[in-house]
């Protein structure tokens, strides 16, 4: 099963996208903290990550640069 990683500080967005992607057959790993996501993926690059581009401390574009 293909895993999609979600990184968003809005719990409602995480819940909605998780439901949608699960219904389509994806394994979903949601993260409300970009720092936790990066800590868990410091040595591996996820195949697919949906990143919020307007988080306060570290946005999706900055996460992409780190990966």
Protein backbone atom coordinates (compact mmCIF):
# COMPACT_ATOMS: atom_id res chain seq x y z
CA UNK A 1 0.00 0.00 0.00
CA UNK A 2 1.27 3.48 -0.88
CA UNK A 3 1.75 5.88 2.03
CA UNK A 4 0.85 9.56 1.83
CA UNK A 5 2.25 11.88 4.50
CA UNK A 6 0.14 14.89 5.49
CA UNK A 7 1.66 17.87 7.29
CA UNK A 8 -0.77 20.59 8.36
CA UNK A 9 -1.34 22.53 11.56
CA UNK A 10 -5.13 22.51 11.03
CA UNK A 11 -6.71 19.39 12.60
CA UNK A 12 -9.79 19.72 10.39
CA UNK A 13 -7.72 19.61 7.21
CA UNK A 14 -5.77 16.59 8.48
CA UNK A 15 -8.98 14.76 9.34
CA UNK A 16 -10.69 15.54 6.02
CA UNK A 17 -7.71 14.66 3.84
CA UNK A 18 -7.02 11.51 5.87
CA UNK A 19 -10.60 10.29 5.35
CA UNK A 20 -10.51 11.06 1.64
CA UNK A 21 -7.17 9.34 1.05
CA UNK A 22 -8.10 6.31 3.19
CA UNK A 23 -11.29 5.95 1.13
CA UNK A 24 -9.13 5.87 -2.01
CA UNK A 25 -7.00 3.07 -0.54
CA UNK A 26 -3.95 4.97 0.69
CA UNK A 27 -2.15 4.52 3.98
CA UNK A 28 -2.07 7.99 5.57
CA UNK A 29 0.38 9.35 8.14
CA UNK A 30 -0.85 12.74 9.43
CA UNK A 31 1.40 15.21 11.25
CA UNK A 32 0.24 18.41 12.91
CA UNK A 33 3.85 19.43 13.59
CA UNK A 34 6.37 19.96 10.80
CA UNK A 35 9.20 19.50 13.30
CA UNK A 36 7.97 16.02 14.31
CA UNK A 37 7.57 15.08 10.64
CA UNK A 38 11.16 16.11 9.90
CA UNK A 39 12.52 14.35 13.00
CA UNK A 40 10.88 11.09 11.92
CA UNK A 41 12.10 11.44 8.33
CA UNK A 42 15.60 12.76 8.86
CA UNK A 43 17.17 9.84 6.99
CA UNK A 44 14.36 8.83 4.64
CA UNK A 45 12.56 10.81 1.99
CA UNK A 46 8.84 10.05 1.81
CA UNK A 47 7.42 9.11 -1.58
CA UNK A 48 4.49 11.51 -1.30
CA UNK A 49 3.92 14.33 1.17
CA UNK A 50 1.14 16.90 1.12
CA UNK A 51 2.50 19.98 2.88
CA UNK A 52 0.69 23.07 4.16
CA UNK A 53 2.43 26.14 2.76
CA UNK A 54 1.12 28.54 5.42
CA UNK A 55 2.18 27.10 8.79
CA UNK A 56 3.61 29.65 11.24
CA UNK A 57 7.01 28.23 12.25
CA UNK A 58 8.03 26.06 9.31
CA UNK A 59 5.95 26.04 6.14
CA UNK A 60 5.67 23.40 3.45
CA UNK A 61 8.15 25.10 1.13
CA UNK A 62 10.77 25.13 3.89
CA UNK A 63 10.07 21.46 4.64
CA UNK A 64 10.56 20.68 0.96
CA UNK A 65 13.94 22.43 1.03
CA UNK A 66 15.02 20.35 4.03
CA UNK A 67 13.99 17.09 2.36
